[in-house]
Amino acid sequence: MKNGQLKPGYNVQLAVNSEYITGVEVYPDRTDSRTLRPLLETLKRKHGHKYEEIVADAGYESLENYMYLEKNGNESFIKPSNYEQSRKKSFKRQIGRFENMSYNVEDDCYICAEGRKLVLCRECSELIDGQEVTNAWYRCEDCSNCPSRSACCRAKDPEQSKEIRIQRTFQKMRELSRTNITSERGIHLRVCRSIQVEGAFGVIKQDYGFRRFLTAGKVNVRTELFFLCLAYNLEKLWNKRKQNRLKRSEERRVGKECEGMC
């Protein structure tokens, strides 16, 4: 606080389903990626069942989260942290990135911008949470007299060849999540997440004017949040009732069941 005092902070996590806040937790960890697993475990314990589709923004992407979702049978709709960046022209001009190199499946090698091969030089695997995680290193056969070396290789030693590290397990899971979020279902879920989750935070902070906690300590802060979310859900229920939207989700569910029976 620039006055010698520390300002306590809390990482607030909300789970939203069908426009209602269905889970609340507070964590001392400032990174979102380490809060996903404990939040989902709390939801599963409190609700008695798990959510099949997990939608989250790029801040929640990590190998551990991907592995957890796969192990527990959840479908990942996590936005890759490099998703927006990879769509820019500046990203595609970075020829030293393996994403911008072509991959030869038969020879198991990458082809750089100058047509030179980066062959597999070593590979290692380890067990993390009972699952095998594989990393591989590819090295250029010859980088001498390469006209694109300065733009491709960061090594200070001019004699050192270009080398890239591929996190095979992570990249495989990232590509699966990327495929999911770009599907028709994934686009719909991402739009819903932006409206519902960010909307819930917006209502609490802007409409309710709740900018800082009135108490200290995790237990007290969680109590405040529970009351806020209870008020939010009651208001949401009232508005749905006024707009005659309470039975729509039930009618859609029954309709789908009837279609399946036919």
Protein backbone atom coordinates (compact mmCIF):
# COMPACT_ATOMS: atom_id res chain seq x y z
CA MET A 1 0.00 0.00 0.00
CA LYS A 2 3.15 2.20 -0.20
CA ASN A 3 2.88 3.01 3.50
CA GLY A 4 4.58 -0.02 5.01
CA GLN A 5 1.34 -1.95 5.41
CA LEU A 6 0.22 -5.09 3.60
CA LYS A 7 -3.14 -5.19 1.90
CA PRO A 8 -4.78 -8.64 2.17
CA GLY A 9 -6.17 -9.94 -1.10
CA TYR A 10 -8.50 -12.79 -2.00
CA ASN A 11 -8.87 -14.63 -5.26
CA VAL A 12 -12.64 -15.03 -5.64
CA GLN A 13 -13.87 -17.89 -7.81
CA LEU A 14 -17.48 -18.25 -8.99
CA ALA A 15 -19.07 -21.19 -10.78
CA VAL A 16 -22.14 -20.33 -12.86
CA ASN A 17 -24.65 -22.68 -14.45
CA SER A 18 -27.91 -21.70 -16.19
CA GLU A 19 -27.35 -18.07 -15.10
CA TYR A 20 -27.25 -19.01 -11.40
CA ILE A 21 -24.15 -18.95 -9.20
CA THR A 22 -23.72 -22.58 -8.17
CA GLY A 23 -20.34 -22.41 -6.44
CA VAL A 24 -18.28 -19.91 -4.46
CA GLU A 25 -14.76 -20.19 -3.10
CA VAL A 26 -12.00 -17.89 -1.91
CA TYR A 27 -8.31 -18.68 -2.35
CA PRO A 28 -5.08 -16.99 -1.22
CA ASP A 29 -3.44 -18.01 -4.51
CA ARG A 30 -3.41 -15.13 -6.97
CA THR A 31 -3.15 -17.39 -10.05
CA ASP A 32 -6.39 -18.83 -11.41
CA SER A 33 -4.80 -22.00 -12.79
CA ARG A 34 -4.26 -23.45 -9.30
CA THR A 35 -7.84 -22.80 -8.19
CA LEU A 36 -9.69 -24.85 -10.82
CA ARG A 37 -9.10 -28.30 -9.33
CA PRO A 38 -10.05 -27.46 -5.72
CA LEU A 39 -13.12 -25.54 -6.94
CA LEU A 40 -14.33 -28.50 -9.02
CA GLU A 41 -13.69 -30.86 -6.12
CA THR A 42 -15.77 -28.60 -3.87
CA LEU A 43 -18.60 -28.49 -6.41
CA LYS A 44 -18.58 -32.26 -6.81
CA ARG A 45 -18.65 -32.78 -3.04
CA LYS A 46 -21.39 -30.22 -2.43
CA HIS A 47 -23.61 -31.10 -5.40
CA GLY A 48 -23.11 -34.84 -5.36
CA HIS A 49 -22.22 -34.97 -9.07
CA LYS A 50 -19.70 -33.51 -11.50
CA TYR A 51 -20.12 -31.13 -14.41
CA GLU A 52 -19.40 -32.81 -17.75
CA GLU A 53 -18.32 -29.65 -19.62
CA ILE A 54 -15.83 -27.26 -18.03
CA VAL A 55 -15.60 -23.83 -19.65
CA ALA A 56 -12.88 -21.44 -18.51
CA ASP A 57 -10.73 -18.64 -19.87
CA ALA A 58 -7.02 -18.72 -20.66
CA GLY A 59 -5.96 -18.02 -17.07
CA TYR A 60 -6.95 -21.56 -16.08
CA GLU A 61 -4.84 -23.37 -18.66
CA SER A 62 -2.16 -25.70 -17.32
CA LEU A 63 -1.00 -29.26 -17.86
CA GLU A 64 -2.21 -30.23 -14.39
CA ASN A 65 -5.73 -28.93 -15.13
CA TYR A 66 -5.87 -30.69 -18.49
CA MET A 67 -4.78 -33.95 -16.87
CA TYR A 68 -7.27 -33.56 -14.04
CA LEU A 69 -10.18 -33.01 -16.44
CA GLU A 70 -9.17 -35.97 -18.60
CA LYS A 71 -8.75 -38.22 -15.57
CA ASN A 72 -12.17 -37.28 -14.18
CA GLY A 73 -14.01 -37.57 -17.49
CA ASN A 74 -14.64 -33.83 -17.94
CA GLU A 75 -14.66 -32.29 -21.40
CA SER A 76 -12.26 -29.36 -21.53
CA PHE A 77 -13.34 -26.05 -23.03
CA ILE A 78 -10.37 -24.10 -21.66
CA LYS A 79 -9.13 -21.35 -23.94
CA PRO A 80 -5.38 -21.81 -24.68
CA SER A 81 -3.29 -18.98 -23.30
CA ASN A 82 -1.74 -18.35 -26.75
CA TYR A 83 -5.04 -18.53 -28.64
CA GLU A 84 -5.46 -14.82 -29.34
CA GLN A 85 -1.75 -14.28 -29.89
CA SER A 86 -1.48 -17.15 -32.39
CA ARG A 87 -4.05 -15.48 -34.64
CA LYS A 88 -1.93 -12.36 -35.10
CA LYS A 89 0.36 -11.82 -38.07
CA SER A 90 3.23 -10.90 -35.73
CA PHE A 91 3.02 -14.37 -34.17
CA LYS A 92 3.06 -16.12 -37.54
CA ARG A 93 6.16 -14.16 -38.54
CA GLN A 94 8.15 -15.67 -35.65
CA ILE A 95 9.83 -18.42 -37.65
CA GLY A 96 11.66 -19.78 -34.60
CA ARG A 97 8.45 -21.06 -33.00
CA PHE A 98 7.62 -24.70 -33.61
CA GLU A 99 3.98 -23.73 -34.23
CA ASN A 100 5.14 -22.01 -37.43
CA MET A 101 7.20 -24.97 -38.61
CA SER A 102 5.86 -27.88 -40.63
CA TYR A 103 6.00 -31.34 -39.09
CA ASN A 104 6.96 -34.47 -40.99
CA VAL A 105 5.18 -37.43 -39.42
CA GLU A 106 7.11 -40.13 -41.26
CA ASP A 107 10.56 -38.82 -40.28
CA ASP A 108 9.38 -37.37 -36.94
CA CYS A 109 11.03 -34.04 -37.56
CA TYR A 110 10.22 -30.36 -37.93
CA ILE A 111 11.07 -28.34 -41.05
CA CYS A 112 12.22 -24.76 -40.46
CA ALA A 113 11.65 -21.76 -42.73
CA GLU A 114 14.87 -22.51 -44.63
CA GLY A 115 13.85 -26.12 -45.28
CA ARG A 116 16.31 -27.64 -42.77
CA LYS A 117 15.29 -30.55 -40.55
CA LEU A 118 15.07 -30.46 -36.77
CA VAL A 119 15.37 -34.11 -35.78
CA LEU A 120 14.51 -35.79 -32.50
CA CYS A 121 17.59 -35.80 -30.27
CA ARG A 122 16.12 -36.92 -26.95
CA GLU A 123 12.87 -37.73 -25.26
CA CYS A 124 11.86 -38.32 -21.66
CA SER A 125 8.72 -39.33 -19.81
CA GLU A 126 7.64 -39.05 -16.19
CA LEU A 127 4.60 -39.90 -14.12
CA ILE A 128 2.57 -36.99 -12.76
CA ASP A 129 -0.54 -37.85 -10.76
CA GLY A 130 -0.41 -41.35 -12.17
CA GLN A 131 -0.35 -40.15 -15.80
CA GLU A 132 2.58 -40.30 -18.19
CA VAL A 133 3.89 -36.92 -19.35
CA THR A 134 6.29 -36.80 -22.30
CA ASN A 135 8.69 -34.07 -23.43
CA ALA A 136 10.81 -34.17 -26.59
CA TRP A 137 13.73 -32.09 -27.85
CA TYR A 138 14.40 -31.52 -31.55
CA ARG A 139 17.67 -30.10 -32.87
CA CYS A 140 18.61 -28.77 -36.29
CA GLU A 141 21.06 -30.97 -38.17
CA ASP A 142 23.04 -27.97 -39.39
CA CYS A 143 22.50 -24.25 -38.72
CA SER A 144 25.75 -23.06 -40.31
CA ASN A 145 25.46 -20.22 -42.83
CA CYS A 146 21.72 -20.01 -42.28
CA PRO A 147 20.41 -16.60 -43.51
CA SER A 148 17.52 -16.71 -41.01
CA ARG A 149 19.53 -17.72 -37.95
CA SER A 150 19.24 -14.36 -36.18
CA ALA A 151 15.43 -14.45 -36.46
CA CYS A 152 15.15 -18.15 -35.63
CA CYS A 153 17.72 -19.08 -33.00
CA ARG A 154 18.29 -17.27 -29.69
CA ALA A 155 21.49 -19.11 -28.78
CA LYS A 156 24.42 -16.73 -28.25
CA ASP A 157 26.93 -19.32 -29.40
CA PRO A 158 27.06 -19.09 -33.23
CA GLU A 159 28.09 -22.76 -33.40
CA GLN A 160 25.08 -23.99 -31.44
CA SER A 161 22.26 -25.44 -33.50
CA LYS A 162 18.61 -24.48 -33.14
CA GLU A 163 16.80 -26.62 -30.56
CA ILE A 164 13.12 -26.70 -29.60
CA ARG A 165 11.33 -28.43 -26.75
CA ILE A 166 7.95 -30.00 -27.41
CA GLN A 167 5.72 -30.81 -24.45
CA ARG A 168 3.95 -33.64 -26.24
CA THR A 169 1.34 -34.36 -23.58
CA PHE A 170 0.53 -30.71 -22.99
CA GLN A 171 0.35 -29.85 -26.69
CA LYS A 172 -1.93 -32.83 -27.38
CA MET A 173 -4.35 -31.75 -24.66
CA ARG A 174 -4.12 -28.09 -25.69
CA GLU A 175 -5.03 -28.94 -29.29
CA LEU A 176 -8.00 -30.99 -28.10
CA SER A 177 -9.23 -28.06 -26.02
CA ARG A 178 -8.64 -25.71 -28.96
CA THR A 179 -10.74 -27.98 -31.17
CA ASN A 180 -13.48 -28.03 -28.55
CA ILE A 181 -13.71 -24.25 -28.13
CA THR A 182 -13.79 -23.65 -31.89
CA SER A 183 -16.61 -26.15 -32.46
CA GLU A 184 -20.23 -24.97 -32.66
CA ARG A 185 -20.86 -26.22 -29.13
CA GLY A 186 -17.67 -24.62 -27.86
CA ILE A 187 -18.47 -21.21 -29.35
CA HIS A 188 -21.92 -21.32 -27.74
CA LEU A 189 -20.45 -22.24 -24.33
CA ARG A 190 -17.80 -19.53 -24.53
CA VAL A 191 -20.43 -16.89 -25.30
CA CYS A 192 -22.51 -18.12 -22.36
CA ARG A 193 -19.46 -18.02 -20.08
CA SER A 194 -18.65 -14.44 -21.09
CA ILE A 195 -22.21 -13.31 -20.45
CA GLN A 196 -23.02 -15.32 -17.33
CA VAL A 197 -19.76 -15.54 -15.36
CA GLU A 198 -18.42 -12.09 -16.18
CA GLY A 199 -21.96 -10.77 -15.84
CA ALA A 200 -22.23 -12.16 -12.31
CA PHE A 201 -19.02 -10.39 -11.28
CA GLY A 202 -20.23 -7.23 -13.02
CA VAL A 203 -23.57 -7.19 -11.18
CA ILE A 204 -21.92 -7.77 -7.80
CA LYS A 205 -19.25 -5.12 -8.32
CA GLN A 206 -21.16 -2.49 -10.30
CA ASP A 207 -24.87 -2.88 -9.53
CA TYR A 208 -24.41 -3.90 -5.89
CA GLY A 209 -21.48 -1.54 -5.42
CA PHE A 210 -19.43 -4.25 -3.69
CA ARG A 211 -15.83 -3.18 -4.18
CA ARG A 212 -14.07 -4.54 -1.11
CA PHE A 213 -14.76 -6.99 1.70
CA LEU A 214 -16.04 -5.60 4.95
CA THR A 215 -14.38 -8.32 7.05
CA ALA A 216 -11.07 -10.14 7.12
CA GLY A 217 -10.21 -13.82 7.16
CA LYS A 218 -11.22 -16.55 4.73
CA VAL A 219 -14.23 -17.75 6.75
CA ASN A 220 -15.70 -14.26 7.09
CA VAL A 221 -15.02 -13.38 3.48
CA ARG A 222 -16.72 -16.58 2.28
CA THR A 223 -19.74 -15.74 4.43
CA GLU A 224 -20.00 -12.32 2.80
CA LEU A 225 -19.78 -13.89 -0.63
CA PHE A 226 -22.45 -16.47 0.15
CA PHE A 227 -24.89 -13.72 1.14
CA LEU A 228 -24.06 -11.72 -1.99
CA CYS A 229 -24.51 -14.75 -4.24
CA LEU A 230 -27.74 -15.67 -2.47
CA ALA A 231 -29.06 -12.17 -3.22
CA TYR A 232 -27.88 -12.49 -6.81
CA ASN A 233 -29.63 -15.85 -7.31
CA LEU A 234 -32.86 -14.63 -5.70
CA GLU A 235 -32.89 -11.58 -7.96
CA LYS A 236 -32.15 -13.80 -10.98
CA LEU A 237 -35.03 -16.12 -10.03
CA TRP A 238 -37.40 -13.17 -9.59
CA ASN A 239 -36.45 -11.68 -12.95
CA LYS A 240 -36.89 -15.03 -14.70
CA ARG A 241 -40.29 -15.40 -13.11
CA LYS A 242 -41.33 -11.91 -14.24
CA GLN A 243 -40.18 -12.67 -17.78
CA ASN A 244 -41.87 -16.08 -17.77
CA ARG A 245 -38.55 -17.86 -18.37
CA LEU A 246 -38.70 -20.38 -15.54
CA LYS A 247 -40.12 -23.28 -17.56
CA ARG A 248 -38.16 -22.78 -20.77
CA SER A 249 -35.17 -24.89 -19.81
CA GLU A 250 -37.45 -27.67 -18.57
CA GLU A 251 -39.47 -27.59 -21.80
CA ARG A 252 -36.29 -27.80 -23.88
CA ARG A 253 -35.08 -30.77 -21.85
CA VAL A 254 -38.40 -32.63 -22.24
CA GLY A 255 -38.42 -31.84 -25.94
CA LYS A 256 -34.99 -33.36 -26.41
CA GLU A 257 -36.03 -36.49 -24.53
CA CYS A 258 -39.09 -36.85 -26.77
CA GLU A 259 -36.95 -36.43 -29.90
CA GLY A 260 -34.62 -39.11 -28.65
CA MET A 261 -37.50 -41.50 -27.99
CA CYS A 262 -38.87 -40.95 -31.49
